[in-house]
C-alpha cells in the first residue's frame, strides 16, 4: 500500500486484514496521517504523524531531505547504510498500547538521527518548541500470523529515490525476503 490517495472500503480492508492474519506481510508506505484509518482497521498500533521530519545534520543537501541511519538488525535492514527521505514524517505508537499495562509488540526498524525533529509549525526552521531526538520512520508489527511494516515516506520507492543505495537495498531486502 503505497501512498493511498483515498480510503479503503470495508471489502478491501477486510481482504488486507485477512491477508495479514493468514501470515502475509503488508507494507504500508505513506507520509499522510489520513492513512492512520487503514492502520487502525488493521489493528496495528503504529500511526503516521504527518508533519515534516527534518534533520539539520544528517541530510542530503537540505534538512528537508533527512538521511536516517539508525537501524535495528533485521533482514529488512541488512546492509542498509542510510534511508533517504523526501517527504518524511515520524511514526508514533498509539497511546492505547501503553494503557492497562500492555506493551507494544512491534519493533522500531529505522530511526532518524538524534538531530531529527518534527517541524510543528511548518516554517522550515528549528524552533524552541521542536525537540531534537531520534524519531521512528519504519516499524514492524505482528498481526495475526503475519506482520505490517509501516514506512513514513512513500517516496522511498519512487524511481528518483531508488538511486540512493540505502533506499535501493531496503527495497531489495523487502522483495528478497518474500
N, C-alpha and C. Protein backbone atom coordinates (compact mmCIF):
# COMPACT_ATOMS: atom_id res chain seq x y z
N UNK A 1 0.88 -1.15 0.00
CA UNK A 1 0.00 0.00 0.00
C UNK A 1 0.92 1.21 0.00
N UNK A 2 1.07 1.82 -1.16
CA UNK A 2 1.99 2.95 -1.30
C UNK A 2 1.20 4.23 -1.55
N UNK A 3 1.32 5.16 -0.61
CA UNK A 3 0.70 6.49 -0.70
C UNK A 3 -0.77 6.42 -1.12
N UNK A 4 -1.61 5.76 -0.33
CA UNK A 4 -3.02 5.68 -0.71
C UNK A 4 -3.63 7.08 -0.79
N UNK A 5 -4.37 7.32 -1.85
CA UNK A 5 -4.99 8.62 -2.07
C UNK A 5 -6.43 8.69 -1.56
N UNK A 6 -7.02 7.55 -1.34
CA UNK A 6 -8.39 7.52 -0.81
C UNK A 6 -8.52 6.37 0.17
N UNK A 7 -9.54 6.42 0.97
CA UNK A 7 -9.76 5.39 1.97
C UNK A 7 -10.10 4.06 1.34
N UNK A 8 -9.70 3.00 1.99
CA UNK A 8 -10.08 1.66 1.57
C UNK A 8 -11.48 1.39 2.11
N UNK A 9 -12.29 0.78 1.28
CA UNK A 9 -13.64 0.41 1.70
C UNK A 9 -13.60 -0.82 2.59
N UNK A 10 -14.74 -1.18 3.16
CA UNK A 10 -14.79 -2.33 4.07
C UNK A 10 -14.35 -3.64 3.43
N UNK A 11 -14.68 -3.85 2.16
CA UNK A 11 -14.32 -5.10 1.49
C UNK A 11 -12.80 -5.19 1.30
N UNK A 12 -12.19 -4.11 0.80
CA UNK A 12 -10.74 -4.12 0.60
C UNK A 12 -9.99 -4.20 1.93
N UNK A 13 -10.47 -3.48 2.94
CA UNK A 13 -9.84 -3.54 4.26
C UNK A 13 -9.91 -4.95 4.82
N UNK A 14 -11.06 -5.61 4.65
CA UNK A 14 -11.21 -6.99 5.14
C UNK A 14 -10.24 -7.92 4.42
N UNK A 15 -10.04 -7.72 3.13
CA UNK A 15 -9.09 -8.55 2.37
C UNK A 15 -7.66 -8.34 2.87
N UNK A 16 -7.29 -7.08 3.11
CA UNK A 16 -5.95 -6.81 3.63
C UNK A 16 -5.76 -7.42 5.01
N UNK A 17 -6.75 -7.27 5.88
CA UNK A 17 -6.68 -7.83 7.22
C UNK A 17 -6.55 -9.35 7.16
N UNK A 18 -7.32 -9.98 6.29
CA UNK A 18 -7.28 -11.43 6.15
C UNK A 18 -5.91 -11.88 5.62
N UNK A 19 -5.36 -11.14 4.67
CA UNK A 19 -4.04 -11.45 4.12
C UNK A 19 -2.99 -11.47 5.24
N UNK A 20 -3.01 -10.45 6.08
CA UNK A 20 -2.04 -10.37 7.17
C UNK A 20 -2.31 -11.44 8.22
N UNK A 21 -3.56 -11.60 8.60
CA UNK A 21 -3.91 -12.58 9.62
C UNK A 21 -3.48 -14.00 9.23
N UNK A 22 -3.47 -14.28 7.94
CA UNK A 22 -3.09 -15.60 7.45
C UNK A 22 -1.59 -15.75 7.24
N UNK A 23 -0.81 -14.73 7.58
CA UNK A 23 0.64 -14.88 7.50
C UNK A 23 1.33 -13.99 6.50
N UNK A 24 0.62 -13.11 5.85
CA UNK A 24 1.23 -12.23 4.86
C UNK A 24 1.94 -11.04 5.49
N UNK A 25 2.82 -10.45 4.73
CA UNK A 25 3.48 -9.21 5.14
C UNK A 25 2.89 -8.08 4.31
N UNK A 26 2.31 -7.11 4.98
CA UNK A 26 1.74 -5.95 4.33
C UNK A 26 2.67 -4.77 4.58
N UNK A 27 3.08 -4.11 3.52
CA UNK A 27 3.93 -2.92 3.62
C UNK A 27 3.05 -1.71 3.35
N UNK A 28 3.03 -0.78 4.29
CA UNK A 28 2.27 0.46 4.15
C UNK A 28 3.27 1.60 4.17
N UNK A 29 3.33 2.36 3.06
CA UNK A 29 4.26 3.49 2.95
C UNK A 29 3.46 4.76 2.69
N UNK A 30 3.55 5.71 3.62
CA UNK A 30 2.80 6.95 3.48
C UNK A 30 3.33 7.99 4.45
N UNK A 31 3.26 9.25 4.04
CA UNK A 31 3.58 10.35 4.95
C UNK A 31 2.31 11.07 5.37
N UNK A 32 1.18 10.58 4.93
CA UNK A 32 -0.11 11.23 5.14
C UNK A 32 -0.83 10.58 6.32
N UNK A 33 -1.15 11.38 7.32
CA UNK A 33 -1.80 10.81 8.51
C UNK A 33 -3.22 10.33 8.25
N UNK A 34 -3.77 10.58 7.07
CA UNK A 34 -5.08 10.01 6.74
C UNK A 34 -4.99 8.49 6.57
N UNK A 35 -3.78 7.97 6.38
CA UNK A 35 -3.57 6.52 6.27
C UNK A 35 -3.79 5.85 7.62
N UNK A 36 -3.81 6.62 8.70
CA UNK A 36 -4.00 6.05 10.03
C UNK A 36 -5.32 5.30 10.16
N UNK A 37 -6.31 5.70 9.40
CA UNK A 37 -7.60 4.98 9.45
C UNK A 37 -7.40 3.53 9.03
N UNK A 38 -6.65 3.32 7.95
CA UNK A 38 -6.37 1.96 7.50
C UNK A 38 -5.58 1.20 8.56
N UNK A 39 -4.57 1.84 9.14
CA UNK A 39 -3.76 1.19 10.17
C UNK A 39 -4.62 0.79 11.36
N UNK A 40 -5.54 1.65 11.72
CA UNK A 40 -6.46 1.34 12.82
C UNK A 40 -7.33 0.13 12.47
N UNK A 41 -7.84 0.09 11.25
CA UNK A 41 -8.69 -1.02 10.84
C UNK A 41 -7.92 -2.33 10.71
N UNK A 42 -6.60 -2.24 10.56
CA UNK A 42 -5.77 -3.44 10.52
C UNK A 42 -5.32 -3.87 11.91
N UNK A 43 -5.74 -3.13 12.93
CA UNK A 43 -5.42 -3.42 14.33
C UNK A 43 -3.93 -3.34 14.63
N UNK A 44 -3.23 -2.42 13.96
CA UNK A 44 -1.84 -2.15 14.33
C UNK A 44 -1.80 -0.83 15.09
N UNK A 45 -0.77 -0.66 15.86
CA UNK A 45 -0.71 0.49 16.76
C UNK A 45 0.17 1.62 16.25
N UNK A 46 0.89 1.40 15.18
CA UNK A 46 1.71 2.46 14.60
C UNK A 46 0.80 3.48 13.92
N UNK A 47 1.14 4.76 14.09
CA UNK A 47 0.41 5.85 13.44
C UNK A 47 1.41 6.79 12.77
N UNK A 48 0.97 7.38 11.69
CA UNK A 48 1.77 8.32 10.91
C UNK A 48 1.50 9.72 11.44
N UNK A 49 2.57 10.44 11.80
CA UNK A 49 2.43 11.79 12.34
C UNK A 49 1.89 12.75 11.29
N UNK A 50 2.50 12.78 10.11
CA UNK A 50 2.04 13.64 9.02
C UNK A 50 2.76 14.96 8.89
N UNK A 51 3.38 15.43 9.97
CA UNK A 51 4.15 16.68 9.88
C UNK A 51 5.56 16.35 9.42
N UNK A 52 6.20 17.30 8.75
CA UNK A 52 7.50 17.03 8.14
C UNK A 52 8.59 16.75 9.18
N UNK A 53 9.35 15.69 8.91
CA UNK A 53 10.53 15.37 9.69
C UNK A 53 11.71 16.06 9.03
N UNK A 54 12.49 16.78 9.81
CA UNK A 54 13.68 17.48 9.30
C UNK A 54 14.88 17.06 10.14
N UNK A 55 16.05 17.24 9.58
CA UNK A 55 17.28 16.90 10.30
C UNK A 55 18.37 17.87 9.85
N UNK A 56 18.85 18.66 10.77
CA UNK A 56 19.84 19.70 10.46
C UNK A 56 21.23 19.13 10.17
N UNK A 57 21.53 17.94 10.63
CA UNK A 57 22.88 17.37 10.47
C UNK A 57 22.96 16.20 9.51
N UNK A 58 22.05 15.23 9.68
CA UNK A 58 22.08 14.02 8.85
C UNK A 58 21.08 14.19 7.72
N UNK A 59 21.55 14.77 6.60
CA UNK A 59 20.64 15.02 5.49
C UNK A 59 21.41 15.02 4.17
N UNK A 60 20.66 15.09 3.10
CA UNK A 60 21.23 15.18 1.76
C UNK A 60 20.91 16.58 1.23
N UNK A 61 21.85 17.47 1.33
CA UNK A 61 21.76 18.84 0.81
C UNK A 61 20.78 19.76 1.51
N UNK A 62 19.91 19.24 2.33
CA UNK A 62 18.91 20.08 2.98
C UNK A 62 18.31 19.35 4.17
N UNK A 63 17.98 20.07 5.24
CA UNK A 63 17.30 19.43 6.38
C UNK A 63 15.98 18.78 5.98
N UNK A 64 15.40 19.19 4.85
CA UNK A 64 14.14 18.61 4.38
C UNK A 64 14.34 17.22 3.78
N UNK A 65 15.60 16.82 3.55
CA UNK A 65 15.91 15.50 2.99
C UNK A 65 16.75 14.71 3.99
N UNK A 66 16.14 14.31 5.11
CA UNK A 66 16.91 13.59 6.12
C UNK A 66 17.40 12.24 5.62
N UNK A 67 18.59 11.88 6.07
CA UNK A 67 19.13 10.55 5.82
C UNK A 67 19.14 9.84 7.16
N UNK A 68 18.35 8.78 7.26
CA UNK A 68 18.22 8.06 8.53
C UNK A 68 19.13 6.84 8.51
N UNK A 69 19.94 6.71 9.55
CA UNK A 69 20.95 5.65 9.58
C UNK A 69 20.85 4.74 10.79
N UNK A 70 19.95 5.05 11.70
CA UNK A 70 19.82 4.24 12.91
C UNK A 70 18.90 3.06 12.62
N UNK A 71 19.48 1.88 12.45
CA UNK A 71 18.68 0.71 12.08
C UNK A 71 18.83 -0.41 13.09
N UNK A 72 17.74 -1.12 13.28
CA UNK A 72 17.74 -2.32 14.10
C UNK A 72 18.22 -3.47 13.21
N UNK A 73 18.97 -4.38 13.77
CA UNK A 73 19.42 -5.53 12.99
C UNK A 73 18.22 -6.39 12.65
N UNK A 74 17.96 -6.52 11.35
CA UNK A 74 16.81 -7.26 10.86
C UNK A 74 17.05 -7.56 9.39
N UNK A 75 16.50 -8.63 8.84
CA UNK A 75 16.68 -8.92 7.42
C UNK A 75 16.26 -7.77 6.50
N UNK A 76 15.26 -6.98 6.89
CA UNK A 76 14.82 -5.86 6.07
C UNK A 76 15.84 -4.71 6.03
N UNK A 77 16.67 -4.62 7.06
CA UNK A 77 17.62 -3.51 7.15
C UNK A 77 19.06 -3.94 6.91
N UNK A 78 19.26 -5.19 6.56
CA UNK A 78 20.62 -5.69 6.34
C UNK A 78 21.33 -4.88 5.24
N UNK A 79 22.51 -4.38 5.58
CA UNK A 79 23.35 -3.58 4.67
C UNK A 79 22.68 -2.29 4.19
N UNK A 80 21.69 -1.80 4.91
CA UNK A 80 21.09 -0.51 4.59
C UNK A 80 21.92 0.55 5.31
N UNK A 81 22.70 1.30 4.53
CA UNK A 81 23.60 2.29 5.13
C UNK A 81 22.93 3.62 5.43
N UNK A 82 21.77 3.83 4.93
CA UNK A 82 21.02 5.04 5.19
C UNK A 82 19.82 5.11 4.26
N UNK A 83 18.71 5.49 4.80
CA UNK A 83 17.49 5.63 4.02
C UNK A 83 17.26 7.12 3.83
N UNK A 84 17.16 7.56 2.59
CA UNK A 84 16.93 8.98 2.34
C UNK A 84 15.44 9.24 2.18
N UNK A 85 14.95 10.20 2.95
CA UNK A 85 13.54 10.56 2.90
C UNK A 85 13.36 11.84 2.10
N UNK A 86 12.23 11.92 1.44
CA UNK A 86 11.92 13.10 0.64
C UNK A 86 10.71 13.83 1.22
N UNK A 87 9.69 13.11 1.59
CA UNK A 87 8.51 13.67 2.24
C UNK A 87 8.31 12.96 3.57
N UNK A 88 9.37 12.82 4.31
CA UNK A 88 9.34 12.01 5.52
C UNK A 88 8.60 12.67 6.66
N UNK A 89 8.08 11.81 7.49
CA UNK A 89 7.47 12.22 8.75
C UNK A 89 7.91 11.19 9.78
N UNK A 90 7.38 11.28 10.96
CA UNK A 90 7.72 10.32 12.01
C UNK A 90 6.53 9.38 12.22
N UNK A 91 6.82 8.28 12.88
CA UNK A 91 5.78 7.33 13.26
C UNK A 91 5.63 7.37 14.77
N UNK A 92 4.43 7.13 15.22
CA UNK A 92 4.14 7.07 16.65
C UNK A 92 3.39 5.78 16.94
N UNK A 93 3.50 5.32 18.18
CA UNK A 93 2.71 4.19 18.63
C UNK A 93 1.57 4.76 19.44
N UNK A 94 0.35 4.30 19.17
CA UNK A 94 -0.82 4.87 19.83
C UNK A 94 -0.73 4.75 21.34
N UNK A 95 -1.33 5.70 22.00
CA UNK A 95 -1.32 5.73 23.47
C UNK A 95 -2.02 4.52 24.06
N UNK A 96 -3.01 4.00 23.36
CA UNK A 96 -3.77 2.85 23.87
C UNK A 96 -2.86 1.66 24.13
N UNK A 97 -1.76 1.56 23.39
CA UNK A 97 -0.89 0.40 23.57
C UNK A 97 -0.19 0.43 24.92
N UNK A 98 -0.11 1.59 25.51
CA UNK A 98 0.54 1.72 26.81
C UNK A 98 -0.46 1.60 27.96
N UNK A 99 -1.73 1.61 27.64
CA UNK A 99 -2.76 1.55 28.68
C UNK A 99 -2.90 0.14 29.23
N UNK A 100 -3.38 0.07 30.42
CA UNK A 100 -3.72 -1.19 31.07
C UNK A 100 -2.54 -2.16 31.16
N UNK A 101 -1.33 -1.62 31.22
CA UNK A 101 -0.16 -2.46 31.41
C UNK A 101 0.27 -3.25 30.19
N UNK A 102 -0.37 -3.04 29.06
CA UNK A 102 0.03 -3.78 27.86
C UNK A 102 1.30 -3.16 27.28
N UNK A 103 2.00 -3.93 26.51
CA UNK A 103 3.21 -3.44 25.87
C UNK A 103 3.10 -3.64 24.37
N UNK A 104 3.73 -2.75 23.65
CA UNK A 104 3.73 -2.81 22.20
C UNK A 104 4.63 -3.95 21.78
N UNK A 105 4.20 -4.78 20.87
CA UNK A 105 4.96 -5.94 20.45
C UNK A 105 5.76 -5.70 19.17
N UNK A 106 5.70 -4.48 18.65
CA UNK A 106 6.39 -4.16 17.41
C UNK A 106 7.85 -3.82 17.62
N UNK A 107 8.49 -3.45 16.51
CA UNK A 107 9.90 -3.06 16.53
C UNK A 107 10.07 -1.76 15.76
N UNK A 108 10.93 -0.90 16.28
CA UNK A 108 11.35 0.28 15.53
C UNK A 108 12.52 -0.15 14.66
N UNK A 109 12.29 -0.34 13.35
CA UNK A 109 13.34 -0.83 12.47
C UNK A 109 14.34 0.25 12.07
N UNK A 110 13.84 1.44 11.77
CA UNK A 110 14.71 2.52 11.32
C UNK A 110 14.28 3.80 12.01
N UNK A 111 15.28 4.54 12.52
CA UNK A 111 15.03 5.81 13.20
C UNK A 111 15.87 6.91 12.58
N UNK A 112 15.41 8.13 12.76
CA UNK A 112 16.21 9.29 12.36
C UNK A 112 17.39 9.41 13.30
N UNK A 113 18.28 10.31 12.99
CA UNK A 113 19.38 10.59 13.91
C UNK A 113 18.82 11.33 15.13
N UNK A 114 19.65 11.55 16.11
CA UNK A 114 19.25 12.30 17.29
C UNK A 114 19.03 13.78 17.00
N UNK A 115 19.28 14.20 15.76
CA UNK A 115 19.07 15.59 15.36
C UNK A 115 17.78 15.77 14.57
N UNK A 116 16.97 14.72 14.52
CA UNK A 116 15.68 14.81 13.82
C UNK A 116 14.67 15.57 14.66
N UNK A 117 13.80 16.30 13.99
CA UNK A 117 12.72 16.99 14.69
C UNK A 117 11.51 17.12 13.78
N UNK A 118 10.36 17.26 14.39
CA UNK A 118 9.12 17.48 13.68
C UNK A 118 8.91 18.98 13.56
N UNK A 119 8.76 19.46 12.34
CA UNK A 119 8.52 20.89 12.09
C UNK A 119 7.06 21.20 12.38
N UNK A 120 6.77 21.45 13.63
CA UNK A 120 5.38 21.59 14.09
C UNK A 120 4.62 22.71 13.41
N UNK A 121 5.29 23.84 13.17
CA UNK A 121 4.58 24.97 12.58
C UNK A 121 4.84 25.13 11.09
N UNK A 122 5.63 24.24 10.49
CA UNK A 122 5.85 24.27 9.06
C UNK A 122 6.67 25.42 8.53
N UNK A 123 7.48 26.04 9.41
CA UNK A 123 8.27 27.19 8.95
C UNK A 123 9.67 26.82 8.48
N UNK A 124 9.97 25.53 8.41
CA UNK A 124 11.25 25.00 7.91
C UNK A 124 12.46 25.48 8.72
N UNK A 125 12.21 25.77 10.00
CA UNK A 125 13.26 26.21 10.91
C UNK A 125 13.07 25.52 12.26
N UNK A 126 14.19 25.14 12.88
CA UNK A 126 14.13 24.56 14.21
C UNK A 126 13.78 25.64 15.22
N UNK A 127 12.65 25.49 15.88
CA UNK A 127 12.18 26.45 16.87
C UNK A 127 12.32 25.89 18.27
N UNK A 128 12.16 26.73 19.27
CA UNK A 128 12.34 26.35 20.65
C UNK A 128 11.41 25.24 21.13
N UNK A 129 10.24 25.10 20.54
CA UNK A 129 9.29 24.07 20.98
C UNK A 129 9.42 22.77 20.17
N UNK A 130 10.42 22.68 19.31
CA UNK A 130 10.64 21.50 18.49
C UNK A 130 11.87 20.77 19.03
N UNK A 131 11.67 19.54 19.45
CA UNK A 131 12.66 18.78 20.19
C UNK A 131 13.50 17.91 19.26
N UNK A 132 14.83 17.97 19.45
CA UNK A 132 15.75 17.11 18.71
C UNK A 132 15.80 15.75 19.40
N UNK A 133 15.53 14.69 18.63
CA UNK A 133 15.66 13.33 19.15
C UNK A 133 15.44 12.34 18.01
N UNK A 134 15.81 11.10 18.25
CA UNK A 134 15.54 10.06 17.26
C UNK A 134 14.04 9.93 17.09
N UNK A 135 13.66 9.74 15.84
CA UNK A 135 12.24 9.56 15.51
C UNK A 135 12.10 8.29 14.67
N UNK A 136 11.19 7.41 14.99
CA UNK A 136 10.99 6.21 14.16
C UNK A 136 10.43 6.58 12.80
N UNK A 137 10.97 5.93 11.76
CA UNK A 137 10.46 6.13 10.40
C UNK A 137 10.05 4.82 9.75
N UNK A 138 10.37 3.69 10.37
CA UNK A 138 9.91 2.38 9.89
C UNK A 138 9.69 1.48 11.09
N UNK A 139 8.49 0.92 11.17
CA UNK A 139 8.17 -0.01 12.25
C UNK A 139 7.65 -1.31 11.66
N UNK A 140 7.76 -2.35 12.46
CA UNK A 140 7.27 -3.67 12.06
C UNK A 140 6.45 -4.21 13.22
N UNK A 141 5.20 -4.57 12.94
CA UNK A 141 4.31 -5.09 13.99
C UNK A 141 3.74 -6.43 13.60
N UNK A 142 3.68 -7.36 14.55
CA UNK A 142 2.97 -8.61 14.27
C UNK A 142 1.47 -8.35 14.20
N UNK A 143 0.81 -9.10 13.34
CA UNK A 143 -0.64 -9.00 13.23
C UNK A 143 -1.14 -10.38 12.82
N UNK A 144 -1.80 -11.06 13.75
CA UNK A 144 -2.21 -12.43 13.47
C UNK A 144 -0.98 -13.28 13.21
N UNK A 145 -1.00 -14.03 12.12
CA UNK A 145 0.16 -14.84 11.74
C UNK A 145 1.14 -14.05 10.87
N UNK A 146 0.79 -12.83 10.51
CA UNK A 146 1.62 -12.02 9.62
C UNK A 146 2.21 -10.81 10.31
N UNK A 147 2.53 -9.81 9.49
CA UNK A 147 3.14 -8.60 10.02
C UNK A 147 2.81 -7.42 9.12
N UNK A 148 2.86 -6.22 9.72
CA UNK A 148 2.64 -4.98 8.98
C UNK A 148 3.87 -4.11 9.17
N UNK A 149 4.48 -3.75 8.05
CA UNK A 149 5.63 -2.86 8.03
C UNK A 149 5.12 -1.49 7.62
N UNK A 150 5.36 -0.48 8.46
CA UNK A 150 4.94 0.88 8.15
C UNK A 150 6.19 1.72 7.93
N UNK A 151 6.23 2.42 6.80
CA UNK A 151 7.34 3.32 6.45
C UNK A 151 6.74 4.70 6.26
N UNK A 152 7.36 5.71 6.87
CA UNK A 152 6.78 7.05 6.93
C UNK A 152 7.02 7.91 5.70
N UNK A 153 7.43 7.32 4.59
CA UNK A 153 7.65 8.11 3.37
C UNK A 153 7.53 7.19 2.17
N UNK A 154 6.48 7.37 1.39
CA UNK A 154 6.26 6.55 0.21
C UNK A 154 7.28 6.85 -0.89
N UNK A 155 7.89 8.02 -0.86
CA UNK A 155 8.83 8.38 -1.92
C UNK A 155 10.10 7.55 -1.87
N UNK A 156 10.32 6.80 -0.80
CA UNK A 156 11.48 5.91 -0.69
C UNK A 156 11.53 4.96 -1.88
N UNK A 157 10.37 4.60 -2.43
CA UNK A 157 10.33 3.62 -3.51
C UNK A 157 10.09 4.24 -4.89
N UNK A 158 10.14 5.56 -4.99
CA UNK A 158 10.00 6.18 -6.30
C UNK A 158 11.29 6.03 -7.09
N UNK A 159 11.17 6.09 -8.40
CA UNK A 159 12.35 5.94 -9.26
C UNK A 159 13.45 6.93 -8.90
N UNK A 160 13.08 8.17 -8.62
CA UNK A 160 14.07 9.19 -8.30
C UNK A 160 14.83 8.89 -7.02
N UNK A 161 14.20 8.21 -6.08
CA UNK A 161 14.85 7.94 -4.79
C UNK A 161 15.52 6.57 -4.75
N UNK A 162 15.19 5.70 -5.68
CA UNK A 162 15.80 4.36 -5.68
C UNK A 162 17.26 4.38 -6.11
N UNK A 163 17.74 5.51 -6.63
CA UNK A 163 19.17 5.56 -6.97
C UNK A 163 20.04 5.74 -5.73
N UNK A 164 19.42 6.00 -4.59
CA UNK A 164 20.16 6.07 -3.32
C UNK A 164 20.40 4.65 -2.84
N UNK A 165 21.64 4.33 -2.54
CA UNK A 165 22.00 2.93 -2.24
C UNK A 165 21.21 2.36 -1.07
N UNK A 166 21.00 3.12 -0.02
CA UNK A 166 20.24 2.62 1.12
C UNK A 166 18.80 2.33 0.78
N UNK A 167 18.18 3.22 0.01
CA UNK A 167 16.79 3.01 -0.40
C UNK A 167 16.69 1.77 -1.28
N UNK A 168 17.60 1.65 -2.22
CA UNK A 168 17.60 0.51 -3.12
C UNK A 168 17.78 -0.79 -2.35
N UNK A 169 18.72 -0.80 -1.42
CA UNK A 169 18.99 -2.01 -0.64
C UNK A 169 17.78 -2.39 0.23
N UNK A 170 17.13 -1.39 0.82
CA UNK A 170 15.96 -1.63 1.65
C UNK A 170 14.87 -2.31 0.82
N UNK A 171 14.60 -1.78 -0.36
CA UNK A 171 13.56 -2.36 -1.23
C UNK A 171 13.98 -3.77 -1.67
N UNK A 172 15.25 -3.96 -2.00
CA UNK A 172 15.73 -5.29 -2.37
C UNK A 172 15.54 -6.27 -1.23
N UNK A 173 15.84 -5.82 0.00
CA UNK A 173 15.67 -6.69 1.17
C UNK A 173 14.20 -7.08 1.35
N UNK A 174 13.30 -6.10 1.19
CA UNK A 174 11.87 -6.40 1.34
C UNK A 174 11.43 -7.42 0.30
N UNK A 175 11.81 -7.18 -0.93
CA UNK A 175 11.39 -8.08 -2.00
C UNK A 175 12.09 -9.43 -1.87
N UNK A 176 13.35 -9.44 -1.52
CA UNK A 176 14.13 -10.67 -1.44
C UNK A 176 13.68 -11.62 -0.35
N UNK A 177 13.14 -11.08 0.73
CA UNK A 177 12.71 -11.94 1.84
C UNK A 177 11.33 -12.53 1.57
N UNK A 178 10.68 -12.09 0.51
CA UNK A 178 9.34 -12.59 0.19
C UNK A 178 9.31 -13.14 -1.21
